[in-house]
Amino acid sequence: MMEARCQCGQLSVALPGPSASVVACHCGYCQRRSGSPFGVLAYYPDESVTITGEATRYARPTAAGGTFETFFCPTCGSTVYARAGKHPTKLGISVGAICDPGYPAPVRSAWEEGKHAWVVIPEPAEHYPRGRS
């Protein structure tokens, strides 16, 4: 088992292990959400994770007309997980909240039109200038 958690430990998610679906996103929203040049989420089926603690939800519209929700700790503000409206049965776990330097690299890199020039997402990741269709 693995765990993702916020800085203060109030909000956590128990995970079955590494995910095969790890996505880096370089859109401005993910840059602001993560406070870094890109966000990285590892996607898990809802039934495979267990959330403990209280989360505050923030929802925003997507370029495709859907909704993207982020869930963060109301105490320390750390974003721990997210849900894309186009994948309603999957939870995206912030890889930084897992805090494991051996965690798998992204298999996809999206919205690279907003990627900082010095950021390199290594092959064999799939690369998309915008979102994946």
N, C-alpha and C. Protein backbone atom coordinates (compact mmCIF):
# COMPACT_ATOMS: atom_id res chain seq x y z
N MET A 1 0.84 -1.19 0.00
CA MET A 1 0.00 0.00 0.00
C MET A 1 0.88 1.25 0.00
N MET A 2 0.33 2.29 -0.61
CA MET A 2 0.99 3.60 -0.64
C MET A 2 0.01 4.61 -0.06
N GLU A 3 0.53 5.79 0.22
CA GLU A 3 -0.32 6.85 0.74
C GLU A 3 0.06 8.18 0.11
N ALA A 4 -0.97 8.95 -0.26
CA ALA A 4 -0.80 10.34 -0.64
C ALA A 4 -1.38 11.15 0.51
N ARG A 5 -0.72 12.25 0.86
CA ARG A 5 -1.29 13.06 1.93
C ARG A 5 -0.87 14.51 1.80
N CYS A 6 -1.60 15.35 2.51
CA CYS A 6 -1.30 16.78 2.54
C CYS A 6 -0.12 17.03 3.47
N GLN A 7 0.31 18.30 3.55
CA GLN A 7 1.45 18.66 4.40
C GLN A 7 1.20 18.37 5.88
N CYS A 8 -0.01 18.68 6.36
CA CYS A 8 -0.26 18.52 7.79
C CYS A 8 -0.74 17.12 8.16
N GLY A 9 -1.10 16.30 7.17
CA GLY A 9 -1.51 14.92 7.41
C GLY A 9 -3.00 14.73 7.67
N GLN A 10 -3.77 15.80 7.67
CA GLN A 10 -5.20 15.72 7.94
C GLN A 10 -5.96 15.00 6.83
N LEU A 11 -5.53 15.18 5.57
CA LEU A 11 -6.19 14.59 4.40
C LEU A 11 -5.24 13.59 3.76
N SER A 12 -5.70 12.35 3.58
CA SER A 12 -4.84 11.33 2.97
C SER A 12 -5.68 10.41 2.08
N VAL A 13 -4.97 9.72 1.20
CA VAL A 13 -5.59 8.75 0.31
C VAL A 13 -4.72 7.51 0.31
N ALA A 14 -5.31 6.37 0.70
CA ALA A 14 -4.61 5.08 0.64
C ALA A 14 -4.71 4.56 -0.78
N LEU A 15 -3.58 4.13 -1.32
CA LEU A 15 -3.49 3.69 -2.72
C LEU A 15 -3.01 2.24 -2.77
N PRO A 16 -3.46 1.47 -3.79
CA PRO A 16 -3.05 0.07 -3.88
C PRO A 16 -1.61 -0.13 -4.35
N GLY A 17 -0.97 0.91 -4.85
CA GLY A 17 0.38 0.83 -5.41
C GLY A 17 0.49 1.84 -6.53
N PRO A 18 1.57 1.82 -7.31
CA PRO A 18 1.72 2.76 -8.42
C PRO A 18 0.63 2.57 -9.48
N SER A 19 0.31 3.65 -10.15
CA SER A 19 -0.66 3.62 -11.25
C SER A 19 0.06 3.52 -12.58
N ALA A 20 -0.58 2.89 -13.55
CA ALA A 20 -0.04 2.82 -14.91
C ALA A 20 -0.46 4.04 -15.72
N SER A 21 -1.35 4.87 -15.16
CA SER A 21 -1.86 6.05 -15.86
C SER A 21 -1.42 7.32 -15.14
N VAL A 22 -0.23 7.80 -15.46
CA VAL A 22 0.33 9.00 -14.86
C VAL A 22 0.42 10.06 -15.96
N VAL A 23 -0.17 11.23 -15.68
CA VAL A 23 -0.27 12.27 -16.71
C VAL A 23 0.31 13.58 -16.20
N ALA A 24 1.20 14.18 -17.00
CA ALA A 24 1.71 15.52 -16.73
C ALA A 24 0.89 16.50 -17.55
N CYS A 25 0.48 17.60 -16.95
CA CYS A 25 -0.29 18.62 -17.67
C CYS A 25 0.39 19.97 -17.48
N HIS A 26 0.57 20.67 -18.60
CA HIS A 26 1.28 21.94 -18.61
C HIS A 26 0.36 23.13 -18.80
N CYS A 27 -0.96 22.92 -18.68
CA CYS A 27 -1.89 24.05 -18.85
C CYS A 27 -1.71 25.05 -17.71
N GLY A 28 -2.13 26.27 -17.93
CA GLY A 28 -2.01 27.30 -16.91
C GLY A 28 -2.74 26.97 -15.63
N TYR A 29 -3.87 26.29 -15.76
CA TYR A 29 -4.62 25.91 -14.56
C TYR A 29 -3.81 24.95 -13.69
N CYS A 30 -3.20 23.94 -14.30
CA CYS A 30 -2.41 22.98 -13.53
C CYS A 30 -1.15 23.62 -12.97
N GLN A 31 -0.58 24.58 -13.71
CA GLN A 31 0.57 25.29 -13.18
C GLN A 31 0.18 26.05 -11.91
N ARG A 32 -0.95 26.72 -11.96
CA ARG A 32 -1.41 27.47 -10.78
C ARG A 32 -1.86 26.53 -9.66
N ARG A 33 -2.54 25.44 -10.03
CA ARG A 33 -3.02 24.47 -9.03
C ARG A 33 -1.87 23.86 -8.25
N SER A 34 -0.81 23.51 -8.96
CA SER A 34 0.31 22.81 -8.33
C SER A 34 1.39 23.75 -7.80
N GLY A 35 1.38 25.01 -8.26
CA GLY A 35 2.44 25.93 -7.86
C GLY A 35 3.77 25.59 -8.49
N SER A 36 3.74 24.85 -9.60
CA SER A 36 4.96 24.45 -10.30
C SER A 36 4.72 24.56 -11.80
N PRO A 37 5.74 24.31 -12.64
CA PRO A 37 5.58 24.47 -14.08
C PRO A 37 4.62 23.47 -14.73
N PHE A 38 4.23 22.42 -14.01
CA PHE A 38 3.26 21.46 -14.52
C PHE A 38 2.70 20.67 -13.35
N GLY A 39 1.54 20.07 -13.57
CA GLY A 39 0.94 19.20 -12.57
C GLY A 39 1.07 17.76 -13.03
N VAL A 40 1.19 16.84 -12.08
CA VAL A 40 1.26 15.42 -12.42
C VAL A 40 0.25 14.69 -11.56
N LEU A 41 -0.68 13.99 -12.23
CA LEU A 41 -1.70 13.21 -11.54
C LEU A 41 -1.59 11.75 -11.95
N ALA A 42 -1.75 10.88 -10.97
CA ALA A 42 -1.79 9.43 -11.20
C ALA A 42 -3.24 9.01 -11.02
N TYR A 43 -3.83 8.40 -12.04
CA TYR A 43 -5.26 8.08 -12.02
C TYR A 43 -5.51 6.66 -11.51
N TYR A 44 -6.51 6.56 -10.63
CA TYR A 44 -6.92 5.30 -10.00
C TYR A 44 -8.44 5.17 -10.08
N PRO A 45 -8.96 3.96 -10.25
CA PRO A 45 -10.40 3.75 -10.15
C PRO A 45 -10.86 4.11 -8.73
N ASP A 46 -12.03 4.75 -8.62
CA ASP A 46 -12.55 5.15 -7.31
C ASP A 46 -12.53 4.03 -6.28
N GLU A 47 -12.93 2.84 -6.70
CA GLU A 47 -13.06 1.74 -5.74
C GLU A 47 -11.72 1.22 -5.21
N SER A 48 -10.61 1.67 -5.80
CA SER A 48 -9.30 1.17 -5.37
C SER A 48 -8.62 2.08 -4.35
N VAL A 49 -9.23 3.21 -4.03
CA VAL A 49 -8.62 4.15 -3.09
C VAL A 49 -9.53 4.39 -1.89
N THR A 50 -8.92 4.81 -0.78
CA THR A 50 -9.68 5.16 0.42
C THR A 50 -9.24 6.54 0.89
N ILE A 51 -10.20 7.46 0.93
CA ILE A 51 -9.92 8.84 1.35
C ILE A 51 -10.22 8.98 2.85
N THR A 52 -9.31 9.61 3.56
CA THR A 52 -9.48 9.87 4.99
C THR A 52 -9.26 11.35 5.24
N GLY A 53 -10.15 11.98 5.97
CA GLY A 53 -10.01 13.39 6.31
C GLY A 53 -10.98 14.25 5.52
N GLU A 54 -10.92 15.53 5.77
CA GLU A 54 -11.82 16.50 5.15
C GLU A 54 -11.12 17.19 4.00
N ALA A 55 -11.85 17.37 2.88
CA ALA A 55 -11.30 18.08 1.72
C ALA A 55 -12.24 19.22 1.33
N THR A 56 -11.64 20.29 0.84
CA THR A 56 -12.39 21.38 0.24
C THR A 56 -12.32 21.19 -1.26
N ARG A 57 -13.46 21.39 -1.94
CA ARG A 57 -13.57 21.15 -3.38
C ARG A 57 -13.58 22.49 -4.12
N TYR A 58 -12.83 22.53 -5.23
CA TYR A 58 -12.87 23.67 -6.14
C TYR A 58 -13.12 23.11 -7.54
N ALA A 59 -14.15 23.62 -8.23
CA ALA A 59 -14.48 23.16 -9.58
C ALA A 59 -14.27 24.30 -10.57
N ARG A 60 -13.72 23.95 -11.73
CA ARG A 60 -13.52 24.94 -12.79
C ARG A 60 -13.93 24.33 -14.12
N PRO A 61 -14.32 25.17 -15.08
CA PRO A 61 -14.65 24.64 -16.41
C PRO A 61 -13.39 24.26 -17.18
N THR A 62 -13.52 23.31 -18.09
CA THR A 62 -12.40 22.89 -18.94
C THR A 62 -12.57 23.46 -20.34
N ALA A 63 -11.51 23.40 -21.13
CA ALA A 63 -11.55 23.90 -22.51
C ALA A 63 -12.55 23.11 -23.35
N ALA A 64 -12.82 21.85 -22.98
CA ALA A 64 -13.74 21.00 -23.73
C ALA A 64 -15.19 21.16 -23.26
N GLY A 65 -15.42 22.07 -22.29
CA GLY A 65 -16.77 22.30 -21.82
C GLY A 65 -17.19 21.45 -20.63
N GLY A 66 -16.28 20.70 -20.06
CA GLY A 66 -16.57 19.88 -18.89
C GLY A 66 -16.19 20.59 -17.60
N THR A 67 -15.96 19.80 -16.59
CA THR A 67 -15.57 20.33 -15.28
C THR A 67 -14.34 19.57 -14.78
N PHE A 68 -13.46 20.29 -14.11
CA PHE A 68 -12.31 19.69 -13.45
C PHE A 68 -12.37 20.13 -12.00
N GLU A 69 -12.37 19.15 -11.08
CA GLU A 69 -12.47 19.44 -9.66
C GLU A 69 -11.16 19.12 -8.97
N THR A 70 -10.72 20.01 -8.08
CA THR A 70 -9.56 19.71 -7.25
C THR A 70 -10.02 19.68 -5.80
N PHE A 71 -9.37 18.84 -5.03
CA PHE A 71 -9.71 18.66 -3.62
C PHE A 71 -8.45 18.90 -2.80
N PHE A 72 -8.56 19.82 -1.86
CA PHE A 72 -7.39 20.19 -1.08
C PHE A 72 -7.71 20.25 0.40
N CYS A 73 -6.68 20.20 1.20
CA CYS A 73 -6.82 20.23 2.65
C CYS A 73 -7.22 21.63 3.10
N PRO A 74 -8.32 21.76 3.87
CA PRO A 74 -8.73 23.08 4.33
C PRO A 74 -7.80 23.66 5.41
N THR A 75 -6.94 22.83 5.97
CA THR A 75 -6.01 23.30 7.00
C THR A 75 -4.72 23.84 6.40
N CYS A 76 -4.04 23.02 5.56
CA CYS A 76 -2.73 23.43 5.03
C CYS A 76 -2.77 23.84 3.56
N GLY A 77 -3.88 23.57 2.87
CA GLY A 77 -4.03 24.00 1.47
C GLY A 77 -3.45 23.09 0.42
N SER A 78 -2.86 21.97 0.79
CA SER A 78 -2.26 21.05 -0.19
C SER A 78 -3.33 20.39 -1.05
N THR A 79 -3.14 20.43 -2.37
CA THR A 79 -4.01 19.67 -3.27
C THR A 79 -3.58 18.22 -3.23
N VAL A 80 -4.52 17.33 -2.91
CA VAL A 80 -4.19 15.91 -2.77
C VAL A 80 -4.77 15.09 -3.91
N TYR A 81 -5.96 15.46 -4.40
CA TYR A 81 -6.55 14.70 -5.50
C TYR A 81 -7.45 15.58 -6.35
N ALA A 82 -7.83 15.04 -7.50
CA ALA A 82 -8.65 15.77 -8.47
C ALA A 82 -9.54 14.79 -9.22
N ARG A 83 -10.56 15.35 -9.87
CA ARG A 83 -11.44 14.53 -10.70
C ARG A 83 -11.78 15.31 -11.97
N ALA A 84 -11.53 14.67 -13.12
CA ALA A 84 -11.90 15.24 -14.41
C ALA A 84 -13.31 14.77 -14.75
N GLY A 85 -14.17 15.69 -15.15
CA GLY A 85 -15.55 15.34 -15.50
C GLY A 85 -15.65 14.28 -16.58
N LYS A 86 -14.65 14.22 -17.47
CA LYS A 86 -14.69 13.22 -18.54
C LYS A 86 -14.34 11.82 -18.04
N HIS A 87 -13.83 11.72 -16.81
CA HIS A 87 -13.51 10.42 -16.19
C HIS A 87 -14.14 10.38 -14.80
N PRO A 88 -15.47 10.30 -14.72
CA PRO A 88 -16.16 10.43 -13.42
C PRO A 88 -15.91 9.30 -12.43
N THR A 89 -15.36 8.18 -12.86
CA THR A 89 -15.12 7.06 -11.93
C THR A 89 -13.65 6.90 -11.58
N LYS A 90 -12.84 7.91 -11.93
CA LYS A 90 -11.40 7.85 -11.63
C LYS A 90 -11.00 9.07 -10.82
N LEU A 91 -10.07 8.85 -9.92
CA LEU A 91 -9.53 9.92 -9.11
C LEU A 91 -8.08 10.14 -9.51
N GLY A 92 -7.70 11.39 -9.75
CA GLY A 92 -6.32 11.74 -10.05
C GLY A 92 -5.62 12.14 -8.76
N ILE A 93 -4.61 11.41 -8.39
CA ILE A 93 -3.87 11.67 -7.16
C ILE A 93 -2.63 12.49 -7.50
N SER A 94 -2.42 13.59 -6.78
CA SER A 94 -1.23 14.41 -7.01
C SER A 94 0.01 13.60 -6.67
N VAL A 95 0.86 13.38 -7.67
CA VAL A 95 2.05 12.55 -7.46
C VAL A 95 2.97 13.17 -6.39
N GLY A 96 3.01 14.49 -6.32
CA GLY A 96 3.80 15.13 -5.27
C GLY A 96 3.31 14.80 -3.88
N ALA A 97 2.01 14.55 -3.72
CA ALA A 97 1.45 14.19 -2.41
C ALA A 97 1.82 12.76 -2.01
N ILE A 98 2.21 11.94 -3.00
CA ILE A 98 2.67 10.58 -2.71
C ILE A 98 4.09 10.64 -2.15
N CYS A 99 4.86 11.62 -2.62
CA CYS A 99 6.19 11.92 -2.08
C CYS A 99 7.13 10.70 -2.15
N ASP A 100 7.17 10.06 -3.32
CA ASP A 100 8.03 8.89 -3.52
C ASP A 100 8.88 9.13 -4.77
N PRO A 101 10.18 9.37 -4.62
CA PRO A 101 11.02 9.65 -5.79
C PRO A 101 11.11 8.49 -6.77
N GLY A 102 10.70 7.29 -6.37
CA GLY A 102 10.71 6.13 -7.27
C GLY A 102 9.40 5.94 -8.01
N TYR A 103 8.43 6.86 -7.81
CA TYR A 103 7.13 6.71 -8.46
C TYR A 103 7.31 6.78 -9.98
N PRO A 104 6.52 6.02 -10.75
CA PRO A 104 6.67 6.00 -12.21
C PRO A 104 6.51 7.37 -12.87
N ALA A 105 7.24 7.56 -13.95
CA ALA A 105 7.18 8.80 -14.74
C ALA A 105 5.86 8.87 -15.51
N PRO A 106 5.49 10.06 -15.97
CA PRO A 106 4.27 10.20 -16.77
C PRO A 106 4.31 9.37 -18.05
N VAL A 107 3.15 8.83 -18.41
CA VAL A 107 2.99 8.12 -19.68
C VAL A 107 2.41 9.04 -20.75
N ARG A 108 1.87 10.19 -20.30
CA ARG A 108 1.32 11.20 -21.21
C ARG A 108 1.70 12.58 -20.71
N SER A 109 1.89 13.49 -21.66
CA SER A 109 2.19 14.88 -21.36
C SER A 109 1.25 15.73 -22.21
N ALA A 110 0.34 16.45 -21.54
CA ALA A 110 -0.71 17.19 -22.24
C ALA A 110 -0.52 18.71 -22.11
N TRP A 111 -1.13 19.42 -23.01
CA TRP A 111 -1.10 20.89 -23.06
C TRP A 111 0.34 21.41 -23.11
N GLU A 112 1.14 20.74 -23.94
CA GLU A 112 2.55 21.13 -24.06
C GLU A 112 2.73 22.50 -24.71
N GLU A 113 1.67 23.06 -25.28
CA GLU A 113 1.79 24.42 -25.80
C GLU A 113 2.09 25.40 -24.66
N GLY A 114 1.81 25.03 -23.41
CA GLY A 114 2.11 25.85 -22.24
C GLY A 114 3.33 25.38 -21.47
N LYS A 115 4.04 24.39 -22.01
CA LYS A 115 5.19 23.80 -21.31
C LYS A 115 6.36 24.78 -21.27
N HIS A 116 6.99 24.90 -20.12
CA HIS A 116 8.18 25.72 -19.99
C HIS A 116 9.29 25.09 -20.84
N ALA A 117 10.06 25.92 -21.51
CA ALA A 117 11.07 25.44 -22.47
C ALA A 117 12.08 24.49 -21.84
N TRP A 118 12.36 24.63 -20.56
CA TRP A 118 13.39 23.80 -19.91
C TRP A 118 12.85 22.49 -19.35
N VAL A 119 11.54 22.28 -19.42
CA VAL A 119 10.94 21.04 -18.91
C VAL A 119 11.03 19.95 -19.98
N VAL A 120 11.49 18.77 -19.57
CA VAL A 120 11.58 17.62 -20.48
C VAL A 120 10.83 16.45 -19.86
N ILE A 121 9.83 15.95 -20.55
CA ILE A 121 9.12 14.74 -20.15
C ILE A 121 9.68 13.64 -21.04
N PRO A 122 10.37 12.66 -20.46
CA PRO A 122 11.09 11.67 -21.27
C PRO A 122 10.19 10.71 -22.04
N GLU A 123 10.72 10.24 -23.15
CA GLU A 123 10.08 9.17 -23.90
C GLU A 123 10.12 7.93 -23.02
N PRO A 124 9.18 7.05 -23.14
CA PRO A 124 8.23 6.86 -24.22
C PRO A 124 6.88 7.56 -24.00
N ALA A 125 6.83 8.59 -23.15
CA ALA A 125 5.56 9.29 -22.92
C ALA A 125 4.99 9.82 -24.23
N GLU A 126 3.65 9.79 -24.32
CA GLU A 126 2.94 10.40 -25.45
C GLU A 126 2.89 11.91 -25.20
N HIS A 127 3.05 12.70 -26.26
CA HIS A 127 3.09 14.16 -26.13
C HIS A 127 1.97 14.78 -26.95
N TYR A 128 1.25 15.72 -26.32
CA TYR A 128 0.10 16.38 -26.97
C TYR A 128 0.23 17.90 -26.80
N PRO A 129 0.11 18.67 -27.90
CA PRO A 129 0.18 20.12 -27.79
C PRO A 129 -0.96 20.68 -26.94
N ARG A 130 -2.12 20.04 -27.01
CA ARG A 130 -3.30 20.42 -26.21
C ARG A 130 -3.74 19.16 -25.47
N GLY A 131 -5.02 19.10 -25.12
CA GLY A 131 -5.54 17.90 -24.46
C GLY A 131 -5.64 16.73 -25.43
N ARG A 132 -5.68 15.56 -24.87
CA ARG A 132 -5.82 14.35 -25.69
C ARG A 132 -7.29 14.24 -26.11
N SER A 133 -7.56 13.95 -27.38
CA SER A 133 -8.94 13.85 -27.86
C SER A 133 -9.61 12.60 -27.35
